Amino acid sequence: MDCLGTKVCLLIEKVPPNVLCSVSEYVCVHAVKPGRCALPKGTPMCAEYCYHDGQCPAEQKCCRTTCGHACSEPC
């Protein structure tokens, strides 16, 4: 699968309910979303909730915490 612009291709693996095998699909996601990272509020400071912006919902970015990463609204 080819992704255009600032998008990257990710392999997503899902295991549907009541099914013994997984289903894989490729999706294009934005590798880097616009904006800057702010300190996430209400998030434990040592957590790995994401690895890149494409894993965060809507406009949120994957930002560093003191010892991990978490999705946060850009500032």
N, C-alpha and C. Protein backbone atom coordinates (compact mmCIF):
# COMPACT_ATOMS: atom_id res chain seq x y z
N MET A 1 0.85 -1.17 0.00
CA MET A 1 0.00 0.00 0.00
C MET A 1 0.89 1.24 0.00
N ASP A 2 0.59 2.19 -0.83
CA ASP A 2 1.34 3.44 -0.88
C ASP A 2 0.55 4.54 -0.18
N CYS A 3 1.22 5.26 0.70
CA CYS A 3 0.62 6.39 1.39
C CYS A 3 1.28 7.66 0.88
N LEU A 4 0.49 8.70 0.68
CA LEU A 4 0.99 9.94 0.09
C LEU A 4 1.27 11.01 1.13
N GLY A 5 2.12 11.95 0.79
CA GLY A 5 2.39 13.11 1.64
C GLY A 5 3.08 12.75 2.93
N THR A 6 2.54 13.26 4.04
CA THR A 6 3.16 13.03 5.35
C THR A 6 2.59 11.79 6.04
N LYS A 7 1.92 10.93 5.29
CA LYS A 7 1.32 9.74 5.88
C LYS A 7 2.28 8.55 5.82
N VAL A 8 2.14 7.65 6.78
CA VAL A 8 2.91 6.41 6.79
C VAL A 8 1.93 5.24 6.80
N CYS A 9 2.39 4.11 6.35
CA CYS A 9 1.56 2.92 6.28
C CYS A 9 1.82 2.06 7.51
N LEU A 10 0.75 1.68 8.23
CA LEU A 10 0.86 0.85 9.41
C LEU A 10 0.09 -0.44 9.21
N LEU A 11 0.61 -1.52 9.74
CA LEU A 11 -0.10 -2.79 9.74
C LEU A 11 -0.83 -2.90 11.07
N ILE A 12 -2.15 -2.97 11.02
CA ILE A 12 -2.99 -3.07 12.21
C ILE A 12 -3.49 -4.50 12.31
N GLU A 13 -3.33 -5.10 13.47
CA GLU A 13 -3.81 -6.46 13.66
C GLU A 13 -4.94 -6.46 14.67
N LYS A 14 -6.08 -7.04 14.29
CA LYS A 14 -7.26 -7.06 15.15
C LYS A 14 -7.69 -8.50 15.38
N VAL A 15 -8.24 -8.77 16.55
CA VAL A 15 -8.80 -10.09 16.84
C VAL A 15 -10.28 -9.86 17.14
N PRO A 16 -11.15 -10.13 16.16
CA PRO A 16 -12.58 -9.93 16.37
C PRO A 16 -13.12 -10.86 17.46
N PRO A 17 -14.20 -10.46 18.17
CA PRO A 17 -14.79 -11.31 19.19
C PRO A 17 -15.25 -12.64 18.60
N ASN A 18 -15.10 -13.70 19.36
CA ASN A 18 -15.54 -15.05 18.96
C ASN A 18 -14.83 -15.59 17.73
N VAL A 19 -13.65 -15.08 17.42
CA VAL A 19 -12.87 -15.56 16.28
C VAL A 19 -11.49 -15.96 16.80
N LEU A 20 -10.98 -17.08 16.34
CA LEU A 20 -9.71 -17.58 16.85
C LEU A 20 -8.49 -17.01 16.14
N CYS A 21 -8.68 -16.40 14.98
CA CYS A 21 -7.53 -15.85 14.27
C CYS A 21 -7.67 -14.34 14.13
N SER A 22 -6.55 -13.68 13.90
CA SER A 22 -6.56 -12.23 13.78
C SER A 22 -6.79 -11.80 12.34
N VAL A 23 -7.17 -10.56 12.18
CA VAL A 23 -7.37 -9.95 10.87
C VAL A 23 -6.39 -8.80 10.76
N SER A 24 -5.62 -8.78 9.69
CA SER A 24 -4.63 -7.72 9.49
C SER A 24 -5.08 -6.81 8.37
N GLU A 25 -4.80 -5.53 8.53
CA GLU A 25 -5.10 -4.57 7.47
C GLU A 25 -4.06 -3.46 7.51
N TYR A 26 -3.81 -2.86 6.36
CA TYR A 26 -2.90 -1.74 6.27
C TYR A 26 -3.71 -0.46 6.24
N VAL A 27 -3.27 0.54 6.99
CA VAL A 27 -3.93 1.84 7.00
C VAL A 27 -2.87 2.92 6.86
N CYS A 28 -3.26 4.04 6.26
CA CYS A 28 -2.38 5.20 6.14
C CYS A 28 -2.73 6.18 7.27
N VAL A 29 -1.72 6.61 8.00
CA VAL A 29 -1.92 7.58 9.08
C VAL A 29 -0.89 8.69 8.94
N HIS A 30 -1.21 9.84 9.50
CA HIS A 30 -0.26 10.95 9.49
C HIS A 30 0.90 10.64 10.41
N ALA A 31 2.10 10.74 9.90
CA ALA A 31 3.29 10.46 10.70
C ALA A 31 3.55 11.59 11.68
N VAL A 32 3.39 12.83 11.23
CA VAL A 32 3.62 13.99 12.08
C VAL A 32 2.45 14.95 11.90
N LYS A 33 1.75 15.23 12.98
CA LYS A 33 0.62 16.15 12.94
C LYS A 33 1.13 17.55 13.26
N PRO A 34 0.43 18.58 12.78
CA PRO A 34 0.88 19.95 13.04
C PRO A 34 0.74 20.32 14.52
N GLY A 35 1.48 21.31 14.93
CA GLY A 35 1.41 21.80 16.31
C GLY A 35 2.60 21.35 17.14
N ARG A 36 2.66 21.87 18.37
CA ARG A 36 3.73 21.52 19.30
C ARG A 36 3.14 20.77 20.48
N CYS A 37 3.97 20.00 21.14
CA CYS A 37 3.53 19.23 22.30
C CYS A 37 3.48 20.09 23.56
N ALA A 38 2.44 19.88 24.35
CA ALA A 38 2.32 20.47 25.67
C ALA A 38 2.42 19.33 26.67
N LEU A 39 2.63 19.63 27.93
CA LEU A 39 2.68 18.61 28.96
C LEU A 39 1.30 17.99 29.12
N PRO A 40 1.15 16.66 28.94
CA PRO A 40 -0.17 16.04 29.09
C PRO A 40 -0.71 16.20 30.51
N LYS A 41 -2.00 16.50 30.62
CA LYS A 41 -2.64 16.69 31.92
C LYS A 41 -3.34 15.41 32.34
N GLY A 42 -3.20 15.03 33.59
CA GLY A 42 -3.88 13.86 34.12
C GLY A 42 -3.34 12.54 33.61
N THR A 43 -2.13 12.54 33.07
CA THR A 43 -1.52 11.32 32.53
C THR A 43 -0.35 10.94 33.42
N PRO A 44 -0.25 9.66 33.83
CA PRO A 44 0.92 9.26 34.60
C PRO A 44 2.19 9.62 33.83
N MET A 45 3.17 10.11 34.50
CA MET A 45 4.36 10.60 33.83
C MET A 45 5.24 9.48 33.26
N CYS A 46 5.10 8.25 33.76
CA CYS A 46 5.84 7.11 33.21
C CYS A 46 4.85 6.19 32.50
N ALA A 47 4.63 6.43 31.23
CA ALA A 47 3.67 5.63 30.47
C ALA A 47 4.06 5.64 29.00
N GLU A 48 3.76 4.55 28.31
CA GLU A 48 3.97 4.47 26.86
C GLU A 48 2.61 4.24 26.21
N TYR A 49 1.86 5.31 26.01
CA TYR A 49 0.54 5.21 25.40
C TYR A 49 0.58 5.32 23.88
N CYS A 50 1.69 5.82 23.34
CA CYS A 50 1.82 5.97 21.89
C CYS A 50 3.30 6.01 21.53
N TYR A 51 3.58 5.84 20.23
CA TYR A 51 4.94 5.91 19.74
C TYR A 51 5.09 6.96 18.64
N HIS A 52 3.98 7.36 18.00
CA HIS A 52 4.01 8.41 16.98
C HIS A 52 2.62 9.04 16.88
N ASP A 53 2.54 10.20 16.27
CA ASP A 53 1.30 10.96 16.16
C ASP A 53 0.16 10.16 15.53
N GLY A 54 0.48 9.27 14.61
CA GLY A 54 -0.55 8.50 13.92
C GLY A 54 -1.35 7.59 14.84
N GLN A 55 -0.85 7.32 16.04
CA GLN A 55 -1.57 6.48 16.98
C GLN A 55 -2.52 7.28 17.88
N CYS A 56 -2.50 8.59 17.76
CA CYS A 56 -3.32 9.45 18.62
C CYS A 56 -4.59 9.89 17.87
N PRO A 57 -5.71 10.02 18.60
CA PRO A 57 -6.96 10.40 17.97
C PRO A 57 -6.98 11.86 17.51
N ALA A 58 -7.78 12.10 16.49
CA ALA A 58 -8.06 13.46 15.98
C ALA A 58 -6.77 14.26 15.81
N GLU A 59 -6.72 15.45 16.43
CA GLU A 59 -5.58 16.36 16.27
C GLU A 59 -4.50 16.14 17.31
N GLN A 60 -4.69 15.19 18.23
CA GLN A 60 -3.70 14.99 19.29
C GLN A 60 -2.37 14.51 18.72
N LYS A 61 -1.30 14.86 19.45
CA LYS A 61 0.06 14.47 19.09
C LYS A 61 0.60 13.50 20.13
N CYS A 62 1.56 12.68 19.73
CA CYS A 62 2.25 11.79 20.65
C CYS A 62 3.41 12.59 21.25
N CYS A 63 3.30 12.92 22.53
CA CYS A 63 4.28 13.80 23.18
C CYS A 63 5.02 13.10 24.29
N ARG A 64 6.24 13.55 24.53
CA ARG A 64 7.06 13.00 25.62
C ARG A 64 6.48 13.38 26.96
N THR A 65 6.57 12.45 27.91
CA THR A 65 6.34 12.75 29.32
C THR A 65 7.72 12.65 29.97
N THR A 66 7.80 12.65 31.29
CA THR A 66 9.13 12.60 31.90
C THR A 66 9.85 11.29 31.62
N CYS A 67 9.10 10.19 31.40
CA CYS A 67 9.77 8.92 31.07
C CYS A 67 8.89 8.04 30.20
N GLY A 68 8.22 8.63 29.23
CA GLY A 68 7.37 7.87 28.32
C GLY A 68 6.77 8.77 27.26
N HIS A 69 5.64 8.35 26.69
CA HIS A 69 4.92 9.13 25.68
C HIS A 69 3.42 8.99 25.91
N ALA A 70 2.67 10.05 25.61
CA ALA A 70 1.21 10.02 25.74
C ALA A 70 0.60 10.96 24.72
N CYS A 71 -0.63 10.70 24.32
CA CYS A 71 -1.35 11.57 23.39
C CYS A 71 -1.79 12.83 24.12
N SER A 72 -1.65 13.96 23.46
CA SER A 72 -1.97 15.24 24.08
C SER A 72 -2.45 16.23 23.01
N GLU A 73 -3.32 17.17 23.43
CA GLU A 73 -3.76 18.22 22.52
C GLU A 73 -2.55 19.11 22.21
N PRO A 74 -2.36 19.51 20.95
CA PRO A 74 -1.23 20.39 20.62
C PRO A 74 -1.47 21.80 21.14
N CYS A 75 -0.39 22.52 21.35
CA CYS A 75 -0.52 23.92 21.79
C CYS A 75 -0.08 24.85 20.68
